[in-house]
Amino acid sequence: MQRISVLLFLLVLCFATAMQAQAPAPKPDPALKKLSVLVGRWTYEGEFQASPLGPAGKVTGERTYQIILGGFFFQGRWTQKGPGGEGQVLEITGYDPVNKNLSSEFYFGDGGRASAVLTISGNAWTWAGKGVIGGKQMSFKETFVLAADLMSMTDKGEISADAKTWTPLFERTHTKVKPAAKK
């Protein structure tokens, strides 16, 4: 009896292994391919408006984007200097198969974090979400508009404490840095 049980177990194991080997490898959702136009290094400058997060003033920064983990995720890292000092951000965007959208998680150098959904409509990309920004619970919207040549973009950001009344936060202009020529 024990011999039959072992034989049956081995048969089931072989069948399961064979079925798993035939299963197609997962592929990244095509929506993530749209983000590849941002891959590379960007510099930016602009203006912050006075807000509950700090004073008005000029801002400069740099962003670097890449596709990671076999194309299943998109990563952005940026540093900036502005009226509130220096800051860093890490962004991870992936496709959410349950909600059928692109979702992003943002991690800030001051320990804050935020979650957002990314909506792409032509050359306009909008992140809308909420999180702890500058130590305060906030809702935010940020819209990028990519130039036709995909080498520059503008963005505007807004914040809200109640997700009803919105305050302009910043406007920036980004320029893609061309890679150095190979020697």
N, C-alpha and C. Protein backbone atom coordinates (compact mmCIF):
# COMPACT_ATOMS: atom_id res chain seq x y z
N MET A 1 0.82 -1.19 0.00
CA MET A 1 0.00 0.00 0.00
C MET A 1 0.87 1.27 0.00
N GLN A 2 1.92 1.21 0.81
CA GLN A 2 2.81 2.36 0.89
C GLN A 2 3.53 2.59 -0.44
N ARG A 3 3.88 1.52 -1.13
CA ARG A 3 4.53 1.61 -2.41
C ARG A 3 3.64 2.30 -3.44
N ILE A 4 2.36 2.01 -3.42
CA ILE A 4 1.39 2.61 -4.35
C ILE A 4 1.26 4.10 -4.04
N SER A 5 1.23 4.46 -2.78
CA SER A 5 1.12 5.88 -2.39
C SER A 5 2.34 6.67 -2.87
N VAL A 6 3.53 6.10 -2.71
CA VAL A 6 4.75 6.77 -3.15
C VAL A 6 4.74 6.90 -4.67
N LEU A 7 4.34 5.83 -5.37
CA LEU A 7 4.28 5.85 -6.83
C LEU A 7 3.27 6.89 -7.31
N LEU A 8 2.12 6.94 -6.67
CA LEU A 8 1.08 7.93 -7.02
C LEU A 8 1.59 9.35 -6.78
N PHE A 9 2.28 9.59 -5.66
CA PHE A 9 2.83 10.90 -5.36
C PHE A 9 3.84 11.31 -6.43
N LEU A 10 4.74 10.40 -6.81
CA LEU A 10 5.73 10.71 -7.83
C LEU A 10 5.08 10.99 -9.18
N LEU A 11 4.03 10.28 -9.50
CA LEU A 11 3.31 10.51 -10.75
C LEU A 11 2.67 11.90 -10.76
N VAL A 12 2.03 12.27 -9.68
CA VAL A 12 1.40 13.59 -9.56
C VAL A 12 2.47 14.68 -9.63
N LEU A 13 3.58 14.48 -8.96
CA LEU A 13 4.67 15.45 -8.97
C LEU A 13 5.22 15.64 -10.39
N CYS A 14 5.41 14.56 -11.12
CA CYS A 14 5.89 14.65 -12.50
C CYS A 14 4.89 15.38 -13.38
N PHE A 15 3.60 15.09 -13.21
CA PHE A 15 2.56 15.74 -14.00
C PHE A 15 2.53 17.24 -13.70
N ALA A 16 2.59 17.61 -12.42
CA ALA A 16 2.55 19.03 -12.03
C ALA A 16 3.77 19.77 -12.58
N THR A 17 4.94 19.13 -12.52
CA THR A 17 6.16 19.75 -13.04
C THR A 17 6.06 19.96 -14.54
N ALA A 18 5.54 18.97 -15.25
CA ALA A 18 5.38 19.09 -16.70
C ALA A 18 4.40 20.20 -17.05
N MET A 19 3.32 20.33 -16.31
CA MET A 19 2.34 21.39 -16.57
C MET A 19 2.93 22.76 -16.30
N GLN A 20 3.70 22.88 -15.24
CA GLN A 20 4.32 24.16 -14.90
C GLN A 20 5.35 24.55 -15.96
N ALA A 21 6.09 23.60 -16.48
CA ALA A 21 7.09 23.89 -17.50
C ALA A 21 6.44 24.39 -18.79
N GLN A 22 5.18 24.00 -19.04
CA GLN A 22 4.49 24.42 -20.25
C GLN A 22 3.79 25.76 -20.11
N ALA A 23 3.65 26.25 -18.88
CA ALA A 23 2.97 27.53 -18.67
C ALA A 23 3.82 28.65 -19.26
N PRO A 24 3.20 29.59 -19.98
CA PRO A 24 3.98 30.69 -20.56
C PRO A 24 4.54 31.59 -19.46
N ALA A 25 5.72 32.11 -19.71
CA ALA A 25 6.34 33.03 -18.76
C ALA A 25 5.52 34.32 -18.71
N PRO A 26 5.33 34.90 -17.53
CA PRO A 26 4.58 36.16 -17.46
C PRO A 26 5.31 37.27 -18.20
N LYS A 27 4.54 38.19 -18.75
CA LYS A 27 5.11 39.33 -19.48
C LYS A 27 4.60 40.62 -18.84
N PRO A 28 5.44 41.67 -18.87
CA PRO A 28 4.98 42.96 -18.34
C PRO A 28 3.78 43.47 -19.13
N ASP A 29 2.91 44.18 -18.45
CA ASP A 29 1.75 44.74 -19.12
C ASP A 29 2.21 45.81 -20.12
N PRO A 30 1.59 45.85 -21.31
CA PRO A 30 1.98 46.84 -22.33
C PRO A 30 1.89 48.29 -21.86
N ALA A 31 1.05 48.58 -20.88
CA ALA A 31 0.93 49.96 -20.38
C ALA A 31 2.27 50.47 -19.85
N LEU A 32 3.10 49.57 -19.32
CA LEU A 32 4.39 49.99 -18.79
C LEU A 32 5.35 50.44 -19.89
N LYS A 33 5.18 49.94 -21.09
CA LYS A 33 6.07 50.33 -22.20
C LYS A 33 5.96 51.83 -22.49
N LYS A 34 4.80 52.42 -22.21
CA LYS A 34 4.63 53.87 -22.44
C LYS A 34 5.62 54.68 -21.61
N LEU A 35 6.01 54.15 -20.47
CA LEU A 35 6.92 54.88 -19.58
C LEU A 35 8.36 54.91 -20.10
N SER A 36 8.67 54.06 -21.07
CA SER A 36 10.05 53.98 -21.56
C SER A 36 10.53 55.29 -22.19
N VAL A 37 9.62 56.16 -22.62
CA VAL A 37 10.05 57.45 -23.19
C VAL A 37 10.74 58.34 -22.15
N LEU A 38 10.51 58.05 -20.88
CA LEU A 38 11.16 58.84 -19.82
C LEU A 38 12.53 58.31 -19.43
N VAL A 39 12.88 57.09 -19.86
CA VAL A 39 14.13 56.48 -19.43
C VAL A 39 15.30 57.40 -19.79
N GLY A 40 16.17 57.60 -18.81
CA GLY A 40 17.34 58.46 -18.98
C GLY A 40 17.41 59.50 -17.89
N ARG A 41 18.23 60.50 -18.13
CA ARG A 41 18.47 61.57 -17.14
C ARG A 41 17.82 62.86 -17.61
N TRP A 42 17.17 63.54 -16.71
CA TRP A 42 16.50 64.81 -16.96
C TRP A 42 16.96 65.83 -15.93
N THR A 43 17.09 67.09 -16.35
CA THR A 43 17.31 68.18 -15.40
C THR A 43 16.07 69.06 -15.43
N TYR A 44 15.84 69.77 -14.35
CA TYR A 44 14.68 70.66 -14.32
C TYR A 44 14.93 71.89 -13.47
N GLU A 45 14.11 72.91 -13.75
CA GLU A 45 14.11 74.13 -12.95
C GLU A 45 12.70 74.67 -12.96
N GLY A 46 12.39 75.45 -11.95
CA GLY A 46 11.05 76.02 -11.88
C GLY A 46 10.85 76.83 -10.63
N GLU A 47 9.59 76.96 -10.27
CA GLU A 47 9.18 77.80 -9.13
C GLU A 47 8.23 77.04 -8.23
N PHE A 48 8.46 77.12 -6.93
CA PHE A 48 7.50 76.65 -5.94
C PHE A 48 6.68 77.84 -5.49
N GLN A 49 5.39 77.62 -5.28
CA GLN A 49 4.51 78.65 -4.72
C GLN A 49 4.52 78.52 -3.20
N ALA A 50 4.24 79.59 -2.50
CA ALA A 50 4.08 79.51 -1.05
C ALA A 50 2.89 78.59 -0.77
N SER A 51 3.05 77.69 0.17
CA SER A 51 1.99 76.72 0.48
C SER A 51 2.14 76.26 1.92
N PRO A 52 1.23 75.42 2.40
CA PRO A 52 1.41 74.86 3.74
C PRO A 52 2.69 74.04 3.89
N LEU A 53 3.33 73.69 2.77
CA LEU A 53 4.56 72.90 2.83
C LEU A 53 5.81 73.76 2.88
N GLY A 54 5.68 75.08 2.65
CA GLY A 54 6.86 75.93 2.73
C GLY A 54 6.76 77.18 1.90
N PRO A 55 7.86 77.97 1.89
CA PRO A 55 7.86 79.25 1.18
C PRO A 55 8.00 79.10 -0.33
N ALA A 56 7.73 80.20 -1.03
CA ALA A 56 7.92 80.26 -2.48
C ALA A 56 9.40 80.37 -2.79
N GLY A 57 9.77 79.99 -4.01
CA GLY A 57 11.15 80.15 -4.43
C GLY A 57 11.50 79.27 -5.61
N LYS A 58 12.69 79.45 -6.10
CA LYS A 58 13.17 78.70 -7.25
C LYS A 58 13.56 77.28 -6.83
N VAL A 59 13.44 76.35 -7.79
CA VAL A 59 13.82 74.96 -7.56
C VAL A 59 14.62 74.47 -8.77
N THR A 60 15.64 73.67 -8.51
CA THR A 60 16.39 72.99 -9.57
C THR A 60 16.54 71.54 -9.15
N GLY A 61 16.67 70.67 -10.13
CA GLY A 61 16.83 69.26 -9.78
C GLY A 61 17.20 68.40 -10.95
N GLU A 62 17.30 67.13 -10.65
CA GLU A 62 17.65 66.13 -11.64
C GLU A 62 16.86 64.85 -11.36
N ARG A 63 16.36 64.23 -12.42
CA ARG A 63 15.63 62.96 -12.33
C ARG A 63 16.33 61.93 -13.21
N THR A 64 16.35 60.70 -12.77
CA THR A 64 16.85 59.59 -13.57
C THR A 64 15.80 58.49 -13.54
N TYR A 65 15.43 58.01 -14.72
CA TYR A 65 14.41 56.97 -14.84
C TYR A 65 14.98 55.73 -15.49
N GLN A 66 14.49 54.56 -15.06
CA GLN A 66 14.88 53.31 -15.69
C GLN A 66 13.78 52.26 -15.52
N ILE A 67 13.80 51.29 -16.43
CA ILE A 67 12.90 50.14 -16.34
C ILE A 67 13.65 49.10 -15.52
N ILE A 68 12.95 48.47 -14.55
CA ILE A 68 13.62 47.52 -13.66
C ILE A 68 12.84 46.21 -13.58
N LEU A 69 13.47 45.22 -12.99
CA LEU A 69 12.87 43.92 -12.70
C LEU A 69 12.20 43.29 -13.92
N GLY A 70 12.96 43.19 -15.00
CA GLY A 70 12.49 42.52 -16.19
C GLY A 70 11.38 43.24 -16.94
N GLY A 71 11.26 44.54 -16.70
CA GLY A 71 10.23 45.32 -17.39
C GLY A 71 8.91 45.40 -16.66
N PHE A 72 8.83 44.81 -15.48
CA PHE A 72 7.58 44.82 -14.71
C PHE A 72 7.40 46.11 -13.91
N PHE A 73 8.49 46.87 -13.70
CA PHE A 73 8.41 48.09 -12.92
C PHE A 73 9.27 49.19 -13.55
N PHE A 74 8.94 50.41 -13.17
CA PHE A 74 9.60 51.62 -13.64
C PHE A 74 10.08 52.35 -12.39
N GLN A 75 11.34 52.78 -12.40
CA GLN A 75 11.90 53.46 -11.23
C GLN A 75 12.35 54.86 -11.59
N GLY A 76 12.00 55.81 -10.75
CA GLY A 76 12.48 57.17 -10.87
C GLY A 76 13.18 57.58 -9.58
N ARG A 77 14.30 58.26 -9.72
CA ARG A 77 15.01 58.82 -8.56
C ARG A 77 15.29 60.27 -8.88
N TRP A 78 15.03 61.13 -7.92
CA TRP A 78 15.41 62.51 -8.17
C TRP A 78 15.85 63.22 -6.91
N THR A 79 16.68 64.24 -7.17
CA THR A 79 17.16 65.12 -6.12
C THR A 79 16.85 66.54 -6.56
N GLN A 80 16.56 67.39 -5.60
CA GLN A 80 16.29 68.78 -5.94
C GLN A 80 16.72 69.70 -4.82
N LYS A 81 16.92 70.97 -5.21
CA LYS A 81 17.23 72.03 -4.25
C LYS A 81 16.17 73.10 -4.46
N GLY A 82 15.54 73.50 -3.39
CA GLY A 82 14.50 74.50 -3.49
C GLY A 82 14.39 75.31 -2.23
N PRO A 83 13.31 76.07 -2.09
CA PRO A 83 13.16 76.95 -0.93
C PRO A 83 13.11 76.19 0.40
N GLY A 84 12.74 74.93 0.35
CA GLY A 84 12.70 74.13 1.58
C GLY A 84 13.97 73.36 1.84
N GLY A 85 15.00 73.58 1.03
CA GLY A 85 16.26 72.86 1.18
C GLY A 85 16.42 71.79 0.11
N GLU A 86 17.25 70.80 0.42
CA GLU A 86 17.50 69.71 -0.52
C GLU A 86 16.56 68.55 -0.21
N GLY A 87 16.17 67.83 -1.27
CA GLY A 87 15.28 66.69 -1.09
C GLY A 87 15.58 65.59 -2.08
N GLN A 88 15.16 64.39 -1.72
CA GLN A 88 15.31 63.22 -2.57
C GLN A 88 14.00 62.47 -2.63
N VAL A 89 13.76 61.80 -3.78
CA VAL A 89 12.55 61.01 -3.95
C VAL A 89 12.89 59.74 -4.71
N LEU A 90 12.28 58.64 -4.31
CA LEU A 90 12.33 57.38 -5.05
C LEU A 90 10.90 57.04 -5.44
N GLU A 91 10.71 56.75 -6.72
CA GLU A 91 9.38 56.40 -7.24
C GLU A 91 9.46 55.01 -7.86
N ILE A 92 8.47 54.17 -7.57
CA ILE A 92 8.34 52.86 -8.20
C ILE A 92 6.93 52.80 -8.78
N THR A 93 6.83 52.54 -10.09
CA THR A 93 5.53 52.44 -10.77
C THR A 93 5.41 51.05 -11.38
N GLY A 94 4.24 50.47 -11.24
CA GLY A 94 3.97 49.17 -11.83
C GLY A 94 2.52 49.09 -12.26
N TYR A 95 2.20 48.05 -13.00
CA TYR A 95 0.82 47.83 -13.43
C TYR A 95 0.09 47.05 -12.36
N ASP A 96 -1.08 47.53 -11.95
CA ASP A 96 -1.92 46.87 -10.95
C ASP A 96 -2.98 46.07 -11.70
N PRO A 97 -2.83 44.73 -11.78
CA PRO A 97 -3.79 43.94 -12.55
C PRO A 97 -5.19 43.87 -11.94
N VAL A 98 -5.31 44.10 -10.65
CA VAL A 98 -6.62 44.08 -10.00
C VAL A 98 -7.43 45.31 -10.40
N ASN A 99 -6.81 46.50 -10.26
CA ASN A 99 -7.50 47.75 -10.59
C ASN A 99 -7.31 48.18 -12.04
N LYS A 100 -6.45 47.44 -12.77
CA LYS A 100 -6.19 47.70 -14.19
C LYS A 100 -5.72 49.14 -14.43
N ASN A 101 -4.68 49.53 -13.66
CA ASN A 101 -4.10 50.85 -13.84
C ASN A 101 -2.63 50.84 -13.48
N LEU A 102 -1.97 51.93 -13.79
CA LEU A 102 -0.58 52.12 -13.37
C LEU A 102 -0.61 52.79 -12.00
N SER A 103 0.07 52.19 -11.04
CA SER A 103 0.10 52.79 -9.71
C SER A 103 1.55 53.05 -9.31
N SER A 104 1.73 54.12 -8.56
CA SER A 104 3.07 54.55 -8.15
C SER A 104 3.14 54.68 -6.64
N GLU A 105 4.31 54.36 -6.13
CA GLU A 105 4.64 54.60 -4.72
C GLU A 105 5.82 55.55 -4.71
N PHE A 106 5.73 56.59 -3.89
CA PHE A 106 6.78 57.59 -3.76
C PHE A 106 7.33 57.55 -2.33
N TYR A 107 8.65 57.57 -2.22
CA TYR A 107 9.31 57.57 -0.92
C TYR A 107 10.20 58.80 -0.86
N PHE A 108 10.00 59.63 0.16
CA PHE A 108 10.69 60.92 0.27
C PHE A 108 11.84 60.83 1.27
N GLY A 109 12.87 61.61 1.02
CA GLY A 109 14.06 61.63 1.87
C GLY A 109 13.80 62.06 3.31
N ASP A 110 12.64 62.64 3.58
CA ASP A 110 12.32 63.04 4.96
C ASP A 110 11.49 61.98 5.68
N GLY A 111 11.33 60.79 5.05
CA GLY A 111 10.56 59.71 5.67
C GLY A 111 9.12 59.67 5.20
N GLY A 112 8.67 60.67 4.46
CA GLY A 112 7.29 60.67 3.96
C GLY A 112 7.12 59.70 2.81
N ARG A 113 5.87 59.41 2.50
CA ARG A 113 5.57 58.54 1.37
C ARG A 113 4.19 58.87 0.85
N ALA A 114 3.97 58.51 -0.41
CA ALA A 114 2.68 58.78 -1.04
C ALA A 114 2.38 57.69 -2.06
N SER A 115 1.11 57.50 -2.35
CA SER A 115 0.65 56.55 -3.37
C SER A 115 -0.18 57.32 -4.38
N ALA A 116 -0.09 56.91 -5.65
CA ALA A 116 -0.84 57.61 -6.69
C ALA A 116 -1.19 56.65 -7.82
N VAL A 117 -2.17 57.06 -8.60
CA VAL A 117 -2.52 56.37 -9.84
C VAL A 117 -2.08 57.27 -10.98
N LEU A 118 -1.45 56.67 -11.98
CA LEU A 118 -0.97 57.40 -13.14
C LEU A 118 -1.95 57.20 -14.29
N THR A 119 -2.41 58.31 -14.86
CA THR A 119 -3.28 58.28 -16.03
C THR A 119 -2.55 58.92 -17.19
N ILE A 120 -2.49 58.22 -18.31
CA ILE A 120 -1.80 58.75 -19.50
C ILE A 120 -2.83 59.01 -20.58
N SER A 121 -2.83 60.26 -21.05
CA SER A 121 -3.73 60.65 -22.14
C SER A 121 -2.90 61.42 -23.16
N GLY A 122 -2.46 60.72 -24.21
CA GLY A 122 -1.59 61.35 -25.19
C GLY A 122 -0.28 61.74 -24.54
N ASN A 123 0.12 63.01 -24.67
CA ASN A 123 1.36 63.49 -24.07
C ASN A 123 1.16 64.07 -22.68
N ALA A 124 -0.06 63.97 -22.13
CA ALA A 124 -0.32 64.46 -20.76
C ALA A 124 -0.40 63.26 -19.81
N TRP A 125 0.41 63.30 -18.79
CA TRP A 125 0.47 62.23 -17.80
C TRP A 125 0.13 62.84 -16.44
N THR A 126 -0.83 62.27 -15.74
CA THR A 126 -1.25 62.83 -14.45
C THR A 126 -1.16 61.78 -13.35
N TRP A 127 -0.43 62.12 -12.30
CA TRP A 127 -0.40 61.32 -11.08
C TRP A 127 -1.37 61.98 -10.11
N ALA A 128 -2.27 61.21 -9.53
CA ALA A 128 -3.19 61.74 -8.52
C ALA A 128 -3.19 60.76 -7.34
N GLY A 129 -2.97 61.30 -6.15
CA GLY A 129 -2.92 60.42 -4.99
C GLY A 129 -2.88 61.17 -3.69
N LYS A 130 -2.41 60.47 -2.66
CA LYS A 130 -2.30 61.10 -1.35
C LYS A 130 -1.18 60.43 -0.56
N GLY A 131 -0.77 61.13 0.48
CA GLY A 131 0.28 60.60 1.33
C GLY A 131 0.76 61.63 2.32
N VAL A 132 1.83 61.29 2.99
CA VAL A 132 2.45 62.21 3.95
C VAL A 132 3.56 62.94 3.19
N ILE A 133 3.34 64.23 2.97
CA ILE A 133 4.26 65.06 2.21
C ILE A 133 4.67 66.22 3.10
N GLY A 134 5.97 66.36 3.32
CA GLY A 134 6.44 67.42 4.20
C GLY A 134 5.88 67.29 5.62
N GLY A 135 5.65 66.05 6.05
CA GLY A 135 5.14 65.79 7.39
C GLY A 135 3.64 66.00 7.54
N LYS A 136 2.94 66.29 6.43
CA LYS A 136 1.49 66.55 6.50
C LYS A 136 0.74 65.60 5.57
N GLN A 137 -0.43 65.15 6.00
CA GLN A 137 -1.29 64.32 5.15
C GLN A 137 -1.87 65.21 4.06
N MET A 138 -1.60 64.87 2.79
CA MET A 138 -2.02 65.70 1.66
C MET A 138 -2.49 64.83 0.50
N SER A 139 -3.40 65.39 -0.28
CA SER A 139 -3.71 64.84 -1.59
C SER A 139 -2.90 65.67 -2.58
N PHE A 140 -2.55 65.06 -3.72
CA PHE A 140 -1.77 65.80 -4.70
C PHE A 140 -2.16 65.38 -6.11
N LYS A 141 -1.90 66.29 -7.03
CA LYS A 141 -2.03 66.04 -8.47
C LYS A 141 -0.79 66.63 -9.12
N GLU A 142 -0.21 65.89 -10.03
CA GLU A 142 0.94 66.40 -10.78
C GLU A 142 0.74 65.98 -12.23
N THR A 143 0.79 66.95 -13.13
CA THR A 143 0.59 66.67 -14.56
C THR A 143 1.83 67.05 -15.35
N PHE A 144 2.37 66.06 -16.08
CA PHE A 144 3.46 66.27 -17.03
C PHE A 144 2.86 66.44 -18.41
N VAL A 145 3.43 67.33 -19.20
CA VAL A 145 3.09 67.42 -20.62
C VAL A 145 4.39 67.28 -21.38
N LEU A 146 4.51 66.18 -22.11
CA LEU A 146 5.71 65.89 -22.89
C LEU A 146 5.67 66.63 -24.21
N ALA A 147 6.80 67.20 -24.62
CA ALA A 147 6.90 67.84 -25.93
C ALA A 147 6.85 66.75 -27.00
N ALA A 148 6.50 67.14 -28.21
CA ALA A 148 6.38 66.19 -29.32
C ALA A 148 7.69 65.44 -29.58
N ASP A 149 8.84 66.10 -29.37
CA ASP A 149 10.13 65.43 -29.62
C ASP A 149 10.57 64.55 -28.44
N LEU A 150 9.81 64.53 -27.36
CA LEU A 150 10.07 63.73 -26.16
C LEU A 150 11.39 64.07 -25.47
N MET A 151 11.91 65.27 -25.74
CA MET A 151 13.17 65.70 -25.14
C MET A 151 12.97 66.78 -24.08
N SER A 152 11.74 67.22 -23.89
CA SER A 152 11.44 68.19 -22.83
C SER A 152 10.01 67.97 -22.36
N MET A 153 9.72 68.52 -21.20
CA MET A 153 8.37 68.43 -20.65
C MET A 153 8.20 69.51 -19.60
N THR A 154 6.96 69.83 -19.34
CA THR A 154 6.62 70.75 -18.26
C THR A 154 5.76 69.97 -17.27
N ASP A 155 5.77 70.40 -16.03
CA ASP A 155 4.85 69.80 -15.06
C ASP A 155 4.37 70.84 -14.08
N LYS A 156 3.16 70.59 -13.61
CA LYS A 156 2.52 71.45 -12.61
C LYS A 156 2.03 70.54 -11.49
N GLY A 157 2.18 71.01 -10.26
CA GLY A 157 1.73 70.25 -9.12
C GLY A 157 0.77 71.06 -8.27
N GLU A 158 -0.19 70.36 -7.69
CA GLU A 158 -1.16 70.97 -6.78
C GLU A 158 -1.30 70.08 -5.56
N ILE A 159 -1.65 70.68 -4.42
CA ILE A 159 -1.89 69.92 -3.19
C ILE A 159 -3.21 70.34 -2.58
N SER A 160 -3.72 69.47 -1.72
CA SER A 160 -4.97 69.75 -1.03
C SER A 160 -5.00 69.01 0.30
N ALA A 161 -5.46 69.68 1.33
CA ALA A 161 -5.60 69.05 2.63
C ALA A 161 -6.91 68.26 2.72
N ASP A 162 -7.90 68.63 1.88
CA ASP A 162 -9.22 67.98 1.96
C ASP A 162 -9.66 67.31 0.65
N ALA A 163 -8.81 67.30 -0.36
CA ALA A 163 -9.09 66.74 -1.69
C ALA A 163 -10.25 67.46 -2.39
N LYS A 164 -10.56 68.69 -1.93
CA LYS A 164 -11.61 69.49 -2.56
C LYS A 164 -11.07 70.85 -3.00
N THR A 165 -10.31 71.49 -2.13
CA THR A 165 -9.74 72.80 -2.42
C THR A 165 -8.26 72.61 -2.76
N TRP A 166 -7.88 72.97 -3.99
CA TRP A 166 -6.53 72.71 -4.47
C TRP A 166 -5.70 73.99 -4.51
N THR A 167 -4.43 73.88 -4.10
CA THR A 167 -3.48 74.99 -4.08
C THR A 167 -2.34 74.67 -5.03
N PRO A 168 -2.02 75.60 -5.95
CA PRO A 168 -0.85 75.36 -6.82
C PRO A 168 0.41 75.21 -5.96
N LEU A 169 1.25 74.23 -6.30
CA LEU A 169 2.47 73.99 -5.53
C LEU A 169 3.72 74.35 -6.33
N PHE A 170 3.78 73.94 -7.60
CA PHE A 170 4.98 74.22 -8.40
C PHE A 170 4.67 74.15 -9.88
N GLU A 171 5.60 74.75 -10.65
CA GLU A 171 5.65 74.61 -12.10
C GLU A 171 7.12 74.44 -12.44
N ARG A 172 7.42 73.44 -13.29
CA ARG A 172 8.82 73.17 -13.64
C ARG A 172 8.93 72.84 -15.13
N THR A 173 10.12 73.05 -15.66
CA THR A 173 10.44 72.69 -17.03
C THR A 173 11.60 71.71 -16.99
N HIS A 174 11.44 70.58 -17.68
CA HIS A 174 12.42 69.50 -17.68
C HIS A 174 13.06 69.38 -19.06
N THR A 175 14.34 69.05 -19.08
CA THR A 175 15.06 68.83 -20.32
C THR A 175 15.81 67.50 -20.21
N LYS A 176 15.63 66.64 -21.23
CA LYS A 176 16.32 65.36 -21.22
C LYS A 176 17.78 65.59 -21.58
N VAL A 177 18.67 64.96 -20.81
CA VAL A 177 20.11 65.09 -21.04
C VAL A 177 20.49 64.02 -22.06
N LYS A 178 21.10 64.49 -23.14
CA LYS A 178 21.53 63.55 -24.18
C LYS A 178 22.75 62.78 -23.66
N PRO A 179 22.76 61.46 -23.89
CA PRO A 179 23.93 60.68 -23.46
C PRO A 179 25.19 61.16 -24.16
N ALA A 180 26.32 61.06 -23.47
CA ALA A 180 27.61 61.45 -24.07
C ALA A 180 27.91 60.52 -25.23
N ALA A 181 28.51 61.07 -26.25
CA ALA A 181 28.89 60.27 -27.41
C ALA A 181 29.93 59.24 -27.01
N LYS A 182 29.78 58.02 -27.54
CA LYS A 182 30.75 56.96 -27.23
C LYS A 182 32.02 57.18 -28.05
N LYS A 183 33.15 56.94 -27.41
CA LYS A 183 34.43 57.13 -28.07
C LYS A 183 34.93 55.85 -28.70
